[in-house]
């Protein structure tokens, strides 16, 4: 019976990946807050304020901020982005 369970777990791991059910406590090292899966070793980043896992959007924003790709544009009173470009007809 244990052989069948081992085979089942093997194929489940291949097709579904790690379920990250066995995690360490939350660590904060080198300005990163995370937990580590004891089965596969993956770092799961957490918010240091709320102590909840970061969403994919938050991870992308953090990565962009670190590499300098994140540009925050101030919102002005003029709506230059909504004005039509000269030389192009707006009639379809």
N, C-alpha and C. Protein backbone atom coordinates (compact mmCIF):
# COMPACT_ATOMS: atom_id res chain seq x y z
N UNK A 1 0.82 -1.19 0.00
CA UNK A 1 0.00 0.00 0.00
C UNK A 1 0.86 1.26 0.00
N UNK A 2 1.99 1.20 0.70
CA UNK A 2 2.86 2.38 0.75
C UNK A 2 3.50 2.65 -0.61
N UNK A 3 3.68 1.60 -1.42
CA UNK A 3 4.24 1.78 -2.76
C UNK A 3 3.26 2.54 -3.64
N UNK A 4 1.97 2.19 -3.55
CA UNK A 4 0.95 2.91 -4.31
C UNK A 4 0.86 4.37 -3.89
N UNK A 5 0.95 4.61 -2.58
CA UNK A 5 0.92 5.98 -2.08
C UNK A 5 2.14 6.76 -2.58
N UNK A 6 3.30 6.14 -2.60
CA UNK A 6 4.51 6.80 -3.08
C UNK A 6 4.40 7.13 -4.57
N UNK A 7 3.87 6.20 -5.35
CA UNK A 7 3.69 6.44 -6.79
C UNK A 7 2.68 7.56 -7.01
N UNK A 8 1.58 7.55 -6.26
CA UNK A 8 0.58 8.60 -6.37
C UNK A 8 1.18 9.97 -6.03
N UNK A 9 1.93 10.04 -4.92
CA UNK A 9 2.57 11.30 -4.52
C UNK A 9 3.58 11.76 -5.55
N UNK A 10 4.29 10.83 -6.15
CA UNK A 10 5.27 11.18 -7.18
C UNK A 10 4.59 11.86 -8.37
N UNK A 11 3.52 11.26 -8.87
CA UNK A 11 2.82 11.85 -10.02
C UNK A 11 2.10 13.14 -9.66
N UNK A 12 1.57 13.21 -8.44
CA UNK A 12 0.94 14.46 -8.00
C UNK A 12 1.96 15.60 -7.96
N UNK A 13 3.15 15.29 -7.48
CA UNK A 13 4.22 16.29 -7.42
C UNK A 13 4.63 16.75 -8.82
N UNK A 14 4.68 15.82 -9.77
CA UNK A 14 5.06 16.16 -11.14
C UNK A 14 4.00 17.06 -11.78
N UNK A 15 2.73 16.69 -11.64
CA UNK A 15 1.67 17.40 -12.35
C UNK A 15 1.20 18.66 -11.63
N UNK A 16 1.15 18.64 -10.32
CA UNK A 16 0.61 19.77 -9.57
C UNK A 16 1.67 20.61 -8.88
N UNK A 17 2.85 20.09 -8.70
CA UNK A 17 3.88 20.83 -8.00
C UNK A 17 3.72 20.74 -6.50
N UNK A 18 4.52 21.49 -5.80
CA UNK A 18 4.52 21.45 -4.34
C UNK A 18 3.30 22.23 -3.82
N UNK A 19 2.68 21.71 -2.79
CA UNK A 19 1.51 22.38 -2.21
C UNK A 19 1.91 23.39 -1.14
N UNK A 20 3.18 23.44 -0.78
CA UNK A 20 3.72 24.36 0.23
C UNK A 20 2.93 24.26 1.53
N UNK A 21 2.69 23.07 1.99
CA UNK A 21 1.92 22.89 3.22
C UNK A 21 2.79 22.94 4.47
N UNK A 22 4.07 22.66 4.33
CA UNK A 22 4.98 22.72 5.48
C UNK A 22 5.89 23.93 5.32
N UNK A 23 5.58 25.01 6.06
CA UNK A 23 6.32 26.26 5.95
C UNK A 23 7.00 26.60 7.26
N UNK A 24 8.09 27.34 7.18
CA UNK A 24 8.77 27.84 8.38
C UNK A 24 8.00 29.04 8.91
N UNK A 25 8.49 29.58 10.00
CA UNK A 25 7.90 30.82 10.50
C UNK A 25 8.34 31.97 9.58
N UNK A 26 7.81 33.14 9.78
CA UNK A 26 8.14 34.30 8.94
C UNK A 26 9.49 34.85 9.36
N UNK A 27 10.38 35.02 8.38
CA UNK A 27 11.70 35.61 8.60
C UNK A 27 11.76 36.99 7.96
N UNK A 28 12.56 37.88 8.53
CA UNK A 28 12.89 39.14 7.88
C UNK A 28 14.41 39.24 7.89
N UNK A 29 14.98 39.07 6.70
CA UNK A 29 16.43 39.13 6.54
C UNK A 29 16.74 39.93 5.29
N UNK A 30 17.72 40.81 5.38
CA UNK A 30 18.16 41.62 4.25
C UNK A 30 16.99 42.37 3.62
N UNK A 31 16.15 42.96 4.46
CA UNK A 31 14.99 43.76 4.06
C UNK A 31 13.98 42.98 3.23
N UNK A 32 13.90 41.67 3.42
CA UNK A 32 12.90 40.84 2.77
C UNK A 32 12.21 40.01 3.85
N UNK A 33 10.90 39.96 3.80
CA UNK A 33 10.11 39.18 4.74
C UNK A 33 9.54 37.99 3.98
N UNK A 34 9.82 36.78 4.46
CA UNK A 34 9.41 35.60 3.71
C UNK A 34 9.29 34.38 4.61
N UNK A 35 8.65 33.34 4.07
CA UNK A 35 8.62 32.01 4.66
C UNK A 35 9.24 31.07 3.65
N UNK A 36 9.73 29.94 4.11
CA UNK A 36 10.38 28.96 3.23
C UNK A 36 9.62 27.65 3.32
N UNK A 37 9.35 27.05 2.17
CA UNK A 37 8.72 25.73 2.13
C UNK A 37 9.77 24.69 2.51
N UNK A 38 9.43 23.84 3.47
CA UNK A 38 10.38 22.82 3.92
C UNK A 38 10.51 21.66 2.95
N UNK A 39 9.57 21.53 2.02
CA UNK A 39 9.64 20.43 1.06
C UNK A 39 10.45 20.79 -0.18
N UNK A 40 10.22 21.99 -0.74
CA UNK A 40 10.88 22.33 -2.00
C UNK A 40 11.89 23.48 -1.87
N UNK A 41 11.86 24.24 -0.76
CA UNK A 41 12.82 25.32 -0.56
C UNK A 41 12.42 26.64 -1.17
N UNK A 42 11.21 26.77 -1.68
CA UNK A 42 10.77 28.02 -2.31
C UNK A 42 10.55 29.09 -1.24
N UNK A 43 10.99 30.33 -1.54
CA UNK A 43 10.75 31.47 -0.67
C UNK A 43 9.42 32.09 -1.05
N UNK A 44 8.54 32.27 -0.09
CA UNK A 44 7.24 32.90 -0.31
C UNK A 44 7.29 34.25 0.39
N UNK A 45 7.31 35.33 -0.40
CA UNK A 45 7.46 36.66 0.16
C UNK A 45 6.19 37.12 0.85
N UNK A 46 6.37 37.83 1.97
CA UNK A 46 5.27 38.33 2.79
C UNK A 46 5.40 39.83 2.94
N UNK A 47 4.29 40.48 3.21
CA UNK A 47 4.28 41.90 3.51
C UNK A 47 4.74 42.10 4.95
N UNK A 48 5.72 42.97 5.20
CA UNK A 48 6.16 43.17 6.58
C UNK A 48 5.13 43.92 7.43
N UNK A 49 4.18 44.59 6.79
CA UNK A 49 3.17 45.35 7.52
C UNK A 49 2.00 44.47 7.93
N UNK A 50 1.44 43.73 6.96
CA UNK A 50 0.25 42.92 7.23
C UNK A 50 0.57 41.46 7.55
N UNK A 51 1.80 41.03 7.28
CA UNK A 51 2.23 39.65 7.47
C UNK A 51 1.35 38.66 6.70
N UNK A 52 1.00 39.05 5.49
CA UNK A 52 0.26 38.19 4.57
C UNK A 52 1.10 38.00 3.31
N UNK A 53 0.89 36.89 2.61
CA UNK A 53 1.67 36.68 1.37
C UNK A 53 1.39 37.79 0.36
N UNK A 54 2.44 38.18 -0.36
CA UNK A 54 2.29 39.22 -1.37
C UNK A 54 1.60 38.65 -2.60
N UNK A 55 0.78 39.47 -3.24
CA UNK A 55 0.10 39.05 -4.46
C UNK A 55 1.07 39.15 -5.63
N UNK A 56 0.70 38.60 -6.75
CA UNK A 56 1.55 38.65 -7.95
C UNK A 56 1.75 40.10 -8.38
N UNK A 57 0.73 40.93 -8.26
CA UNK A 57 0.84 42.34 -8.64
C UNK A 57 1.85 43.06 -7.74
N UNK A 58 1.79 42.81 -6.44
CA UNK A 58 2.73 43.44 -5.53
C UNK A 58 4.16 42.98 -5.81
N UNK A 59 4.34 41.71 -6.16
CA UNK A 59 5.67 41.21 -6.49
C UNK A 59 6.22 41.89 -7.75
N UNK A 60 5.37 42.07 -8.78
CA UNK A 60 5.81 42.75 -10.00
C UNK A 60 6.19 44.20 -9.71
N UNK A 61 5.42 44.89 -8.87
CA UNK A 61 5.72 46.28 -8.53
C UNK A 61 7.04 46.38 -7.75
N UNK A 62 7.27 45.44 -6.84
CA UNK A 62 8.52 45.46 -6.08
C UNK A 62 9.71 45.22 -6.99
N UNK A 63 9.58 44.29 -7.93
CA UNK A 63 10.66 43.99 -8.86
C UNK A 63 10.94 45.19 -9.76
N UNK A 64 9.89 45.85 -10.24
CA UNK A 64 10.06 47.02 -11.10
C UNK A 64 10.69 48.17 -10.32
N UNK A 65 10.33 48.33 -9.08
CA UNK A 65 10.90 49.41 -8.27
C UNK A 65 12.38 49.17 -8.01
N UNK A 66 12.76 47.90 -7.80
CA UNK A 66 14.17 47.58 -7.57
C UNK A 66 15.02 47.81 -8.80
N UNK A 67 14.49 47.52 -9.98
CA UNK A 67 15.28 47.67 -11.20
C UNK A 67 15.19 49.07 -11.79
N UNK A 68 14.35 49.92 -11.21
CA UNK A 68 14.23 51.30 -11.69
C UNK A 68 13.28 51.45 -12.86
N UNK A 69 12.48 50.43 -13.16
CA UNK A 69 11.55 50.50 -14.27
C UNK A 69 10.23 51.15 -13.88
N UNK A 70 9.97 51.29 -12.60
CA UNK A 70 8.71 51.85 -12.13
C UNK A 70 8.78 53.36 -12.20
N UNK A 71 7.89 53.95 -12.97
CA UNK A 71 7.83 55.40 -13.10
C UNK A 71 6.46 55.87 -12.66
N UNK A 72 6.45 56.71 -11.65
CA UNK A 72 5.19 57.24 -11.16
C UNK A 72 4.99 58.60 -11.80
N UNK A 73 3.90 58.72 -12.55
CA UNK A 73 3.61 59.94 -13.27
C UNK A 73 2.62 60.77 -12.46
N UNK A 74 2.96 62.04 -12.19
CA UNK A 74 2.01 62.88 -11.47
C UNK A 74 0.82 63.22 -12.36
N UNK A 75 -0.33 63.31 -11.75
CA UNK A 75 -1.54 63.65 -12.48
C UNK A 75 -1.67 65.17 -12.47
N UNK A 76 -1.63 65.75 -13.65
CA UNK A 76 -1.74 67.20 -13.77
C UNK A 76 -3.17 67.63 -14.00
N UNK A 77 -3.38 68.94 -14.01
CA UNK A 77 -4.73 69.45 -14.23
C UNK A 77 -5.10 69.39 -15.71
N UNK A 78 -4.12 69.45 -16.59
CA UNK A 78 -4.39 69.36 -18.02
C UNK A 78 -4.56 67.92 -18.42
N UNK A 79 -5.43 67.68 -19.40
CA UNK A 79 -5.65 66.31 -19.86
C UNK A 79 -4.99 66.12 -21.21
N UNK A 80 -3.66 66.22 -21.23
CA UNK A 80 -2.92 66.12 -22.48
C UNK A 80 -3.00 64.71 -23.06
N UNK A 81 -3.15 63.72 -22.22
CA UNK A 81 -3.21 62.34 -22.71
C UNK A 81 -4.51 62.05 -23.43
N UNK A 82 -5.54 62.83 -23.16
CA UNK A 82 -6.83 62.57 -23.77
C UNK A 82 -7.07 63.41 -25.03
N UNK A 83 -6.17 64.33 -25.35
CA UNK A 83 -6.35 65.17 -26.52
C UNK A 83 -5.92 64.41 -27.76
N UNK A 84 -6.64 64.59 -28.88
CA UNK A 84 -6.27 63.87 -30.10
C UNK A 84 -4.95 64.39 -30.66
N UNK A 85 -4.23 63.50 -31.32
CA UNK A 85 -2.96 63.85 -31.95
C UNK A 85 -3.26 64.57 -33.25
N UNK A 86 -2.53 65.68 -33.50
CA UNK A 86 -2.77 66.45 -34.71
C UNK A 86 -2.34 65.65 -35.93
N UNK A 87 -3.05 65.83 -37.01
CA UNK A 87 -2.71 65.14 -38.24
C UNK A 87 -3.46 63.84 -38.44
N UNK A 88 -4.10 63.34 -37.40
CA UNK A 88 -4.87 62.12 -37.53
C UNK A 88 -6.35 62.43 -37.40
N UNK A 89 -7.12 61.80 -38.21
CA UNK A 89 -8.55 62.01 -38.20
C UNK A 89 -9.18 61.14 -37.14
N UNK A 90 -10.11 61.74 -36.37
CA UNK A 90 -10.78 60.96 -35.34
C UNK A 90 -12.06 60.33 -35.84
N UNK A 91 -12.38 60.57 -37.13
CA UNK A 91 -13.58 59.98 -37.71
C UNK A 91 -13.23 58.63 -38.30
N UNK A 92 -13.99 57.63 -37.94
CA UNK A 92 -13.70 56.27 -38.42
C UNK A 92 -14.47 55.97 -39.67
